[in-house]
Amino acid sequence: MSDVRTVRLGGPLGERFGQAHRLAVQSVAEAVVALDVVQPGFRQVLRDLDAEGLAFRVTVAGRDVAAEEITLVSAGDILIMPMIAGSGSKLIGGAMLV
């Protein structure tokens, strides 16, 4: 059983789908799937924002994670924040999140 954790969405994701969600998920990848279940269209919006040139800063427990870490079991709050690609942080493309 997964612990319930807070998944926060920033920018246009938070405006459209709500800023905070409590979900029982073990990884960022599971959080994306769960958000698409409770907020239909979530994954499509990730794709759309990706096509518009935005990437996503993803943090778990305050630490930036790379694309290869999104399927790993983790603990702590998750933040998914759209950002302009090339802005210097570790960024993940929307296609990688989906």
N, C-alpha and C. Protein backbone atom coordinates (compact mmCIF):
# COMPACT_ATOMS: atom_id res chain seq x y z
N MET A 1 0.84 -1.18 0.00
CA MET A 1 0.00 0.00 0.00
C MET A 1 0.88 1.24 0.00
N SER A 2 0.56 2.18 -0.84
CA SER A 2 1.31 3.42 -0.93
C SER A 2 0.85 4.41 0.13
N ASP A 3 1.79 5.20 0.61
CA ASP A 3 1.43 6.28 1.51
C ASP A 3 0.75 7.39 0.71
N VAL A 4 -0.18 8.07 1.35
CA VAL A 4 -0.82 9.21 0.71
C VAL A 4 0.15 10.38 0.76
N ARG A 5 0.33 11.02 -0.38
CA ARG A 5 1.24 12.16 -0.44
C ARG A 5 0.60 13.28 -1.23
N THR A 6 1.13 14.46 -1.08
CA THR A 6 0.60 15.63 -1.78
C THR A 6 1.32 15.79 -3.11
N VAL A 7 0.55 15.94 -4.16
CA VAL A 7 1.08 16.24 -5.48
C VAL A 7 0.63 17.67 -5.80
N ARG A 8 1.60 18.55 -5.97
CA ARG A 8 1.30 19.97 -6.26
C ARG A 8 1.55 20.25 -7.73
N LEU A 9 0.66 21.03 -8.31
CA LEU A 9 0.78 21.43 -9.70
C LEU A 9 0.95 22.94 -9.76
N GLY A 10 1.91 23.39 -10.54
CA GLY A 10 2.15 24.82 -10.65
C GLY A 10 1.71 25.38 -12.00
N GLY A 11 1.68 26.68 -12.08
CA GLY A 11 1.39 27.38 -13.33
C GLY A 11 0.06 26.98 -13.94
N PRO A 12 0.04 26.82 -15.27
CA PRO A 12 -1.22 26.49 -15.94
C PRO A 12 -1.81 25.14 -15.53
N LEU A 13 -0.97 24.22 -15.07
CA LEU A 13 -1.50 22.94 -14.59
C LEU A 13 -2.32 23.14 -13.32
N GLY A 14 -1.79 23.92 -12.39
CA GLY A 14 -2.50 24.20 -11.16
C GLY A 14 -3.77 24.99 -11.39
N GLU A 15 -3.72 25.94 -12.33
CA GLU A 15 -4.91 26.74 -12.64
C GLU A 15 -6.03 25.87 -13.21
N ARG A 16 -5.67 24.93 -14.04
CA ARG A 16 -6.69 24.10 -14.71
C ARG A 16 -7.16 22.91 -13.86
N PHE A 17 -6.23 22.27 -13.17
CA PHE A 17 -6.56 21.02 -12.48
C PHE A 17 -6.57 21.12 -10.96
N GLY A 18 -6.23 22.27 -10.42
CA GLY A 18 -6.14 22.42 -8.96
C GLY A 18 -4.69 22.32 -8.51
N GLN A 19 -4.35 23.06 -7.49
CA GLN A 19 -2.95 23.15 -7.09
C GLN A 19 -2.46 21.99 -6.23
N ALA A 20 -3.33 21.35 -5.48
CA ALA A 20 -2.87 20.28 -4.58
C ALA A 20 -3.82 19.09 -4.65
N HIS A 21 -3.23 17.91 -4.69
CA HIS A 21 -3.99 16.66 -4.75
C HIS A 21 -3.34 15.68 -3.78
N ARG A 22 -4.16 14.96 -3.03
CA ARG A 22 -3.67 13.93 -2.11
C ARG A 22 -3.89 12.59 -2.79
N LEU A 23 -2.80 11.89 -3.09
CA LEU A 23 -2.88 10.64 -3.84
C LEU A 23 -2.00 9.57 -3.20
N ALA A 24 -2.44 8.33 -3.29
CA ALA A 24 -1.64 7.20 -2.81
C ALA A 24 -0.85 6.66 -3.99
N VAL A 25 0.33 7.21 -4.19
CA VAL A 25 1.19 6.82 -5.31
C VAL A 25 2.61 6.60 -4.81
N GLN A 26 3.36 5.77 -5.56
CA GLN A 26 4.73 5.47 -5.17
C GLN A 26 5.78 6.21 -5.98
N SER A 27 5.39 6.80 -7.11
CA SER A 27 6.37 7.46 -7.98
C SER A 27 5.71 8.61 -8.71
N VAL A 28 6.54 9.40 -9.36
CA VAL A 28 6.04 10.50 -10.18
C VAL A 28 5.20 9.94 -11.33
N ALA A 29 5.67 8.87 -11.95
CA ALA A 29 4.92 8.27 -13.06
C ALA A 29 3.53 7.84 -12.61
N GLU A 30 3.42 7.22 -11.43
CA GLU A 30 2.11 6.83 -10.91
C GLU A 30 1.26 8.06 -10.63
N ALA A 31 1.86 9.13 -10.17
CA ALA A 31 1.12 10.36 -9.90
C ALA A 31 0.50 10.91 -11.18
N VAL A 32 1.24 10.88 -12.28
CA VAL A 32 0.72 11.37 -13.56
C VAL A 32 -0.47 10.53 -14.01
N VAL A 33 -0.37 9.22 -13.89
CA VAL A 33 -1.49 8.34 -14.26
C VAL A 33 -2.69 8.61 -13.36
N ALA A 34 -2.46 8.70 -12.05
CA ALA A 34 -3.56 8.94 -11.11
C ALA A 34 -4.23 10.29 -11.37
N LEU A 35 -3.43 11.31 -11.66
CA LEU A 35 -4.01 12.62 -11.95
C LEU A 35 -4.88 12.57 -13.20
N ASP A 36 -4.46 11.80 -14.20
CA ASP A 36 -5.26 11.68 -15.42
C ASP A 36 -6.58 10.96 -15.15
N VAL A 37 -6.59 10.08 -14.15
CA VAL A 37 -7.83 9.38 -13.79
C VAL A 37 -8.79 10.33 -13.07
N VAL A 38 -8.28 11.08 -12.10
CA VAL A 38 -9.15 11.97 -11.32
C VAL A 38 -9.40 13.31 -12.02
N GLN A 39 -8.53 13.67 -12.95
CA GLN A 39 -8.66 14.90 -13.73
C GLN A 39 -8.50 14.55 -15.21
N PRO A 40 -9.57 14.03 -15.84
CA PRO A 40 -9.45 13.60 -17.24
C PRO A 40 -8.87 14.70 -18.13
N GLY A 41 -7.95 14.29 -18.99
CA GLY A 41 -7.30 15.22 -19.90
C GLY A 41 -5.96 15.73 -19.41
N PHE A 42 -5.56 15.33 -18.20
CA PHE A 42 -4.30 15.82 -17.63
C PHE A 42 -3.11 15.47 -18.52
N ARG A 43 -3.02 14.22 -18.95
CA ARG A 43 -1.87 13.82 -19.79
C ARG A 43 -1.89 14.55 -21.13
N GLN A 44 -3.07 14.80 -21.69
CA GLN A 44 -3.12 15.53 -22.95
C GLN A 44 -2.61 16.96 -22.78
N VAL A 45 -2.94 17.58 -21.67
CA VAL A 45 -2.44 18.94 -21.41
C VAL A 45 -0.92 18.92 -21.27
N LEU A 46 -0.34 17.88 -20.65
CA LEU A 46 1.12 17.77 -20.59
C LEU A 46 1.70 17.74 -22.00
N ARG A 47 1.08 16.95 -22.88
CA ARG A 47 1.54 16.88 -24.27
C ARG A 47 1.41 18.23 -24.96
N ASP A 48 0.28 18.90 -24.75
CA ASP A 48 0.04 20.19 -25.38
C ASP A 48 1.05 21.24 -24.92
N LEU A 49 1.32 21.29 -23.63
CA LEU A 49 2.30 22.24 -23.11
C LEU A 49 3.69 21.93 -23.64
N ASP A 50 4.01 20.65 -23.76
CA ASP A 50 5.28 20.22 -24.34
C ASP A 50 5.40 20.74 -25.77
N ALA A 51 4.32 20.62 -26.55
CA ALA A 51 4.32 21.09 -27.94
C ALA A 51 4.47 22.62 -28.03
N GLU A 52 4.05 23.31 -26.97
CA GLU A 52 4.18 24.78 -26.92
C GLU A 52 5.57 25.23 -26.45
N GLY A 53 6.46 24.29 -26.19
CA GLY A 53 7.81 24.64 -25.79
C GLY A 53 8.06 24.67 -24.29
N LEU A 54 7.11 24.19 -23.52
CA LEU A 54 7.33 24.13 -22.08
C LEU A 54 7.83 22.74 -21.70
N ALA A 55 8.65 22.70 -20.70
CA ALA A 55 9.10 21.44 -20.11
C ALA A 55 8.65 21.50 -18.65
N PHE A 56 9.00 20.51 -17.87
CA PHE A 56 8.49 20.44 -16.51
C PHE A 56 9.62 20.22 -15.51
N ARG A 57 9.62 21.07 -14.50
CA ARG A 57 10.52 20.86 -13.36
C ARG A 57 9.74 19.97 -12.40
N VAL A 58 10.32 18.85 -12.06
CA VAL A 58 9.67 17.91 -11.15
C VAL A 58 10.56 17.76 -9.93
N THR A 59 9.97 17.97 -8.77
CA THR A 59 10.71 17.78 -7.53
C THR A 59 9.98 16.76 -6.66
N VAL A 60 10.75 15.99 -5.94
CA VAL A 60 10.22 15.05 -4.95
C VAL A 60 10.93 15.36 -3.64
N ALA A 61 10.14 15.68 -2.63
CA ALA A 61 10.68 16.06 -1.32
C ALA A 61 11.70 17.19 -1.45
N GLY A 62 11.41 18.14 -2.35
CA GLY A 62 12.26 19.31 -2.53
C GLY A 62 13.49 19.10 -3.38
N ARG A 63 13.67 17.91 -3.97
CA ARG A 63 14.85 17.62 -4.79
C ARG A 63 14.43 17.45 -6.24
N ASP A 64 15.11 18.17 -7.14
CA ASP A 64 14.85 18.01 -8.58
C ASP A 64 15.14 16.58 -9.00
N VAL A 65 14.26 16.02 -9.82
CA VAL A 65 14.49 14.67 -10.33
C VAL A 65 14.65 14.72 -11.84
N ALA A 66 15.41 13.78 -12.35
CA ALA A 66 15.65 13.66 -13.79
C ALA A 66 14.63 12.70 -14.39
N ALA A 67 14.54 12.72 -15.71
CA ALA A 67 13.57 11.89 -16.42
C ALA A 67 13.69 10.41 -16.05
N GLU A 68 14.91 9.93 -15.89
CA GLU A 68 15.09 8.50 -15.59
C GLU A 68 14.67 8.13 -14.17
N GLU A 69 14.36 9.11 -13.34
CA GLU A 69 13.96 8.84 -11.96
C GLU A 69 12.45 8.84 -11.74
N ILE A 70 11.66 9.18 -12.75
CA ILE A 70 10.22 9.35 -12.52
C ILE A 70 9.49 8.04 -12.24
N THR A 71 10.08 6.91 -12.60
CA THR A 71 9.43 5.63 -12.32
C THR A 71 9.92 4.99 -11.02
N LEU A 72 10.91 5.58 -10.39
CA LEU A 72 11.46 5.02 -9.16
C LEU A 72 10.54 5.29 -7.97
N VAL A 73 10.45 4.33 -7.08
CA VAL A 73 9.68 4.51 -5.85
C VAL A 73 10.35 5.60 -5.04
N SER A 74 9.55 6.53 -4.53
CA SER A 74 10.09 7.65 -3.77
C SER A 74 9.13 8.00 -2.65
N ALA A 75 9.55 8.93 -1.82
CA ALA A 75 8.72 9.39 -0.71
C ALA A 75 8.77 10.92 -0.67
N GLY A 76 7.72 11.52 -0.17
CA GLY A 76 7.67 12.98 -0.05
C GLY A 76 6.75 13.59 -1.08
N ASP A 77 6.47 14.87 -0.86
CA ASP A 77 5.60 15.59 -1.77
C ASP A 77 6.22 15.71 -3.16
N ILE A 78 5.34 15.75 -4.15
CA ILE A 78 5.75 15.88 -5.55
C ILE A 78 5.27 17.24 -6.06
N LEU A 79 6.13 17.95 -6.78
CA LEU A 79 5.76 19.19 -7.44
C LEU A 79 6.02 19.03 -8.92
N ILE A 80 5.02 19.39 -9.75
CA ILE A 80 5.19 19.39 -11.20
C ILE A 80 4.91 20.82 -11.65
N MET A 81 5.96 21.48 -12.15
CA MET A 81 5.89 22.89 -12.50
C MET A 81 6.30 23.10 -13.95
N PRO A 82 5.39 23.59 -14.81
CA PRO A 82 5.78 23.91 -16.18
C PRO A 82 6.76 25.08 -16.20
N MET A 83 7.77 24.98 -17.05
CA MET A 83 8.77 26.03 -17.18
C MET A 83 9.20 26.13 -18.64
N ILE A 84 9.75 27.25 -19.01
CA ILE A 84 10.26 27.42 -20.36
C ILE A 84 11.47 26.52 -20.53
N ALA A 85 11.46 25.74 -21.59
CA ALA A 85 12.58 24.83 -21.86
C ALA A 85 13.88 25.61 -21.93
N GLY A 86 14.94 25.07 -21.32
CA GLY A 86 16.24 25.72 -21.33
C GLY A 86 16.43 26.73 -20.22
N SER A 87 15.57 26.70 -19.20
CA SER A 87 15.66 27.69 -18.13
C SER A 87 16.67 27.35 -17.05
N GLY A 88 17.43 26.27 -17.24
CA GLY A 88 18.54 25.99 -16.33
C GLY A 88 18.31 24.89 -15.32
N SER A 89 17.09 24.64 -14.90
CA SER A 89 16.83 23.55 -13.94
C SER A 89 16.82 22.23 -14.68
N LYS A 90 16.83 21.14 -13.92
CA LYS A 90 16.60 19.82 -14.52
C LYS A 90 15.17 19.83 -15.02
N LEU A 91 14.97 19.73 -16.32
CA LEU A 91 13.63 19.76 -16.86
C LEU A 91 13.32 18.46 -17.58
N ILE A 92 12.05 18.08 -17.55
CA ILE A 92 11.59 16.85 -18.17
C ILE A 92 10.54 17.22 -19.21
N GLY A 93 10.65 16.67 -20.39
CA GLY A 93 9.66 16.92 -21.44
C GLY A 93 8.33 16.26 -21.09
N GLY A 94 7.26 16.86 -21.58
CA GLY A 94 5.92 16.33 -21.32
C GLY A 94 5.76 14.90 -21.82
N ALA A 95 6.37 14.59 -22.94
CA ALA A 95 6.28 13.22 -23.48
C ALA A 95 6.90 12.22 -22.53
N MET A 96 7.96 12.61 -21.83
CA MET A 96 8.60 11.70 -20.87
C MET A 96 7.70 11.47 -19.65
N LEU A 97 6.95 12.48 -19.25
CA LEU A 97 6.04 12.32 -18.11
C LEU A 97 4.85 11.44 -18.45
N VAL A 98 4.40 11.54 -19.68
CA VAL A 98 3.23 10.78 -20.11
C VAL A 98 3.64 9.37 -20.39
